[in-house]
Amino acid sequence: MRLVEKLREYENQYMFIKWATGGEYGKLITAGDDFVEFDVINIDTMAYSETVLIHAPLILEVAIGGADVQRIIAEVSSKLPLE
């Protein structure tokens, strides 16, 4: 199985992605055959700082779980409006 095929299962979820020139926490928007669209989150303000398009073969590492990812999910969830 290719990495892009596996990433399609995790679209719209928070994760850490490390690629050839950097690495950031954020939300995976789409995983296409050619590139991955990723919304980067500023860890200090918990706001989206930019959207990056990463050429799929340049992705080196993806962390879907872990303490930092759980903290981001908790902080984003706490800012959701209560209904």
N, C-alpha and C. Protein backbone atom coordinates (compact mmCIF):
# COMPACT_ATOMS: atom_id res chain seq x y z
N MET A 1 0.84 -1.18 0.00
CA MET A 1 0.00 0.00 0.00
C MET A 1 0.89 1.25 0.00
N ARG A 2 0.52 2.21 -0.80
CA ARG A 2 1.26 3.47 -0.86
C ARG A 2 0.81 4.40 0.26
N LEU A 3 1.72 5.31 0.65
CA LEU A 3 1.43 6.25 1.73
C LEU A 3 0.21 7.11 1.41
N VAL A 4 0.08 7.56 0.17
CA VAL A 4 -1.04 8.42 -0.20
C VAL A 4 -2.36 7.68 -0.05
N GLU A 5 -2.38 6.40 -0.37
CA GLU A 5 -3.59 5.61 -0.21
C GLU A 5 -3.98 5.52 1.26
N LYS A 6 -3.02 5.34 2.14
CA LYS A 6 -3.29 5.28 3.57
C LYS A 6 -3.73 6.65 4.10
N LEU A 7 -3.12 7.73 3.61
CA LEU A 7 -3.49 9.07 4.06
C LEU A 7 -4.93 9.42 3.71
N ARG A 8 -5.45 8.86 2.65
CA ARG A 8 -6.85 9.13 2.28
C ARG A 8 -7.81 8.70 3.39
N GLU A 9 -7.43 7.70 4.17
CA GLU A 9 -8.26 7.25 5.27
C GLU A 9 -8.29 8.27 6.41
N TYR A 10 -7.31 9.17 6.45
CA TYR A 10 -7.17 10.13 7.54
C TYR A 10 -7.46 11.57 7.12
N GLU A 11 -8.14 11.77 6.00
CA GLU A 11 -8.49 13.12 5.57
C GLU A 11 -9.37 13.78 6.64
N ASN A 12 -9.21 15.09 6.82
CA ASN A 12 -9.92 15.90 7.80
C ASN A 12 -9.59 15.54 9.24
N GLN A 13 -8.39 15.00 9.48
CA GLN A 13 -7.95 14.70 10.83
C GLN A 13 -6.65 15.45 11.12
N TYR A 14 -6.38 15.66 12.41
CA TYR A 14 -5.18 16.38 12.83
C TYR A 14 -4.01 15.42 12.94
N MET A 15 -2.82 15.91 12.55
CA MET A 15 -1.63 15.07 12.55
C MET A 15 -0.38 15.93 12.44
N PHE A 16 0.75 15.27 12.53
CA PHE A 16 2.04 15.90 12.27
C PHE A 16 2.59 15.30 10.99
N ILE A 17 3.00 16.13 10.06
CA ILE A 17 3.61 15.65 8.82
C ILE A 17 5.00 16.26 8.70
N LYS A 18 5.97 15.41 8.44
CA LYS A 18 7.34 15.85 8.20
C LYS A 18 7.66 15.56 6.74
N TRP A 19 8.13 16.59 6.03
CA TRP A 19 8.49 16.42 4.64
C TRP A 19 9.93 16.89 4.44
N ALA A 20 10.40 16.87 3.21
CA ALA A 20 11.82 17.10 2.91
C ALA A 20 12.34 18.44 3.42
N THR A 21 11.53 19.47 3.45
CA THR A 21 12.02 20.80 3.84
C THR A 21 11.41 21.32 5.13
N GLY A 22 10.62 20.53 5.83
CA GLY A 22 10.00 21.02 7.06
C GLY A 22 9.10 19.98 7.68
N GLY A 23 8.41 20.40 8.70
CA GLY A 23 7.47 19.54 9.38
C GLY A 23 6.55 20.40 10.24
N GLU A 24 5.25 20.11 10.24
CA GLU A 24 4.28 20.94 10.95
C GLU A 24 3.13 20.09 11.46
N TYR A 25 2.45 20.64 12.49
CA TYR A 25 1.19 20.08 12.96
C TYR A 25 0.08 20.75 12.18
N GLY A 26 -0.99 20.00 11.92
CA GLY A 26 -2.10 20.60 11.21
C GLY A 26 -3.18 19.60 10.89
N LYS A 27 -4.01 19.96 9.94
CA LYS A 27 -5.15 19.15 9.54
C LYS A 27 -5.00 18.76 8.08
N LEU A 28 -5.08 17.49 7.80
CA LEU A 28 -4.99 16.99 6.43
C LEU A 28 -6.31 17.26 5.74
N ILE A 29 -6.27 18.00 4.65
CA ILE A 29 -7.48 18.33 3.91
C ILE A 29 -7.76 17.27 2.85
N THR A 30 -6.83 17.08 1.93
CA THR A 30 -6.98 16.05 0.90
C THR A 30 -5.65 15.40 0.62
N ALA A 31 -5.72 14.15 0.21
CA ALA A 31 -4.52 13.41 -0.19
C ALA A 31 -4.74 12.92 -1.62
N GLY A 32 -4.13 13.60 -2.56
CA GLY A 32 -4.25 13.23 -3.96
C GLY A 32 -3.06 12.40 -4.40
N ASP A 33 -3.11 11.92 -5.63
CA ASP A 33 -2.00 11.12 -6.15
C ASP A 33 -0.73 11.94 -6.29
N ASP A 34 -0.87 13.22 -6.60
CA ASP A 34 0.27 14.07 -6.87
C ASP A 34 0.72 14.89 -5.67
N PHE A 35 -0.23 15.38 -4.86
CA PHE A 35 0.12 16.24 -3.74
C PHE A 35 -0.85 16.03 -2.58
N VAL A 36 -0.45 16.55 -1.42
CA VAL A 36 -1.27 16.51 -0.22
C VAL A 36 -1.55 17.96 0.19
N GLU A 37 -2.82 18.29 0.44
CA GLU A 37 -3.20 19.62 0.91
C GLU A 37 -3.31 19.57 2.43
N PHE A 38 -2.58 20.47 3.11
CA PHE A 38 -2.43 20.40 4.56
C PHE A 38 -2.55 21.80 5.16
N ASP A 39 -3.49 21.99 6.11
CA ASP A 39 -3.64 23.26 6.81
C ASP A 39 -2.75 23.24 8.04
N VAL A 40 -1.77 24.13 8.08
CA VAL A 40 -0.81 24.20 9.19
C VAL A 40 -1.44 24.97 10.34
N ILE A 41 -1.24 24.47 11.56
CA ILE A 41 -1.75 25.11 12.77
C ILE A 41 -0.59 25.72 13.53
N ASN A 42 -0.75 26.99 13.93
CA ASN A 42 0.22 27.63 14.81
C ASN A 42 -0.02 27.09 16.21
N ILE A 43 0.95 26.41 16.78
CA ILE A 43 0.80 25.74 18.07
C ILE A 43 0.50 26.73 19.19
N ASP A 44 1.05 27.94 19.13
CA ASP A 44 0.86 28.91 20.20
C ASP A 44 -0.54 29.50 20.22
N THR A 45 -1.08 29.82 19.04
CA THR A 45 -2.40 30.47 18.97
C THR A 45 -3.51 29.50 18.61
N MET A 46 -3.17 28.30 18.20
CA MET A 46 -4.13 27.29 17.75
C MET A 46 -4.99 27.79 16.59
N ALA A 47 -4.42 28.64 15.76
CA ALA A 47 -5.10 29.16 14.57
C ALA A 47 -4.40 28.62 13.34
N TYR A 48 -5.16 28.48 12.27
CA TYR A 48 -4.56 28.04 11.02
C TYR A 48 -3.67 29.15 10.48
N SER A 49 -2.41 28.83 10.19
CA SER A 49 -1.50 29.86 9.74
C SER A 49 -1.32 29.87 8.23
N GLU A 50 -1.45 28.71 7.61
CA GLU A 50 -1.28 28.65 6.16
C GLU A 50 -1.75 27.28 5.66
N THR A 51 -1.95 27.21 4.36
CA THR A 51 -2.24 25.94 3.70
C THR A 51 -1.06 25.63 2.80
N VAL A 52 -0.53 24.41 2.93
CA VAL A 52 0.59 24.01 2.09
C VAL A 52 0.18 22.84 1.22
N LEU A 53 0.73 22.82 0.03
CA LEU A 53 0.57 21.70 -0.88
C LEU A 53 1.92 20.99 -0.93
N ILE A 54 1.94 19.75 -0.48
CA ILE A 54 3.18 18.99 -0.36
C ILE A 54 3.19 17.92 -1.45
N HIS A 55 4.26 17.91 -2.23
CA HIS A 55 4.43 16.87 -3.24
C HIS A 55 4.53 15.52 -2.52
N ALA A 56 3.64 14.61 -2.82
CA ALA A 56 3.51 13.36 -2.05
C ALA A 56 4.81 12.59 -1.87
N PRO A 57 5.68 12.46 -2.88
CA PRO A 57 6.92 11.71 -2.66
C PRO A 57 7.89 12.36 -1.68
N LEU A 58 7.68 13.63 -1.32
CA LEU A 58 8.58 14.30 -0.39
C LEU A 58 8.21 14.07 1.08
N ILE A 59 7.07 13.43 1.35
CA ILE A 59 6.65 13.18 2.73
C ILE A 59 7.53 12.08 3.32
N LEU A 60 8.13 12.40 4.48
CA LEU A 60 9.03 11.47 5.14
C LEU A 60 8.38 10.76 6.31
N GLU A 61 7.49 11.45 7.02
CA GLU A 61 6.93 10.89 8.25
C GLU A 61 5.56 11.49 8.51
N VAL A 62 4.66 10.67 9.04
CA VAL A 62 3.33 11.12 9.44
C VAL A 62 3.04 10.56 10.83
N ALA A 63 2.68 11.43 11.77
CA ALA A 63 2.30 11.00 13.12
C ALA A 63 0.84 11.36 13.33
N ILE A 64 0.02 10.36 13.48
CA ILE A 64 -1.42 10.57 13.61
C ILE A 64 -1.83 10.65 15.08
N GLY A 65 -1.08 10.03 15.96
CA GLY A 65 -1.36 10.06 17.39
C GLY A 65 -0.20 10.67 18.14
N GLY A 66 -0.27 10.63 19.44
CA GLY A 66 0.79 11.17 20.28
C GLY A 66 0.28 12.30 21.14
N ALA A 67 1.08 12.66 22.14
CA ALA A 67 0.67 13.67 23.11
C ALA A 67 0.41 15.03 22.48
N ASP A 68 1.28 15.47 21.57
CA ASP A 68 1.09 16.79 20.96
C ASP A 68 -0.16 16.83 20.08
N VAL A 69 -0.39 15.78 19.32
CA VAL A 69 -1.58 15.73 18.46
C VAL A 69 -2.83 15.70 19.32
N GLN A 70 -2.82 14.96 20.43
CA GLN A 70 -3.97 14.91 21.33
C GLN A 70 -4.23 16.28 21.96
N ARG A 71 -3.17 17.02 22.29
CA ARG A 71 -3.33 18.37 22.85
C ARG A 71 -3.99 19.30 21.85
N ILE A 72 -3.57 19.21 20.59
CA ILE A 72 -4.17 20.04 19.54
C ILE A 72 -5.65 19.72 19.40
N ILE A 73 -5.98 18.44 19.36
CA ILE A 73 -7.39 18.03 19.23
C ILE A 73 -8.20 18.55 20.41
N ALA A 74 -7.66 18.44 21.63
CA ALA A 74 -8.38 18.91 22.81
C ALA A 74 -8.60 20.41 22.77
N GLU A 75 -7.59 21.17 22.37
CA GLU A 75 -7.73 22.64 22.34
C GLU A 75 -8.68 23.08 21.25
N VAL A 76 -8.63 22.45 20.08
CA VAL A 76 -9.55 22.81 19.01
C VAL A 76 -10.97 22.43 19.42
N SER A 77 -11.14 21.28 20.04
CA SER A 77 -12.47 20.83 20.48
C SER A 77 -13.06 21.77 21.54
N SER A 78 -12.22 22.30 22.41
CA SER A 78 -12.73 23.19 23.46
C SER A 78 -13.23 24.52 22.90
N LYS A 79 -12.82 24.85 21.70
CA LYS A 79 -13.25 26.11 21.09
C LYS A 79 -14.49 25.95 20.22
N LEU A 80 -15.00 24.72 20.10
CA LEU A 80 -16.22 24.50 19.32
C LEU A 80 -17.42 25.05 20.08
N PRO A 81 -18.39 25.64 19.38
CA PRO A 81 -19.56 26.18 20.07
C PRO A 81 -20.44 25.05 20.63
N LEU A 82 -20.99 25.27 21.79
CA LEU A 82 -21.90 24.30 22.40
C LEU A 82 -23.30 24.52 21.86
N GLU A 83 -23.97 23.44 21.57
CA GLU A 83 -25.35 23.57 21.05
C GLU A 83 -26.32 22.96 22.02
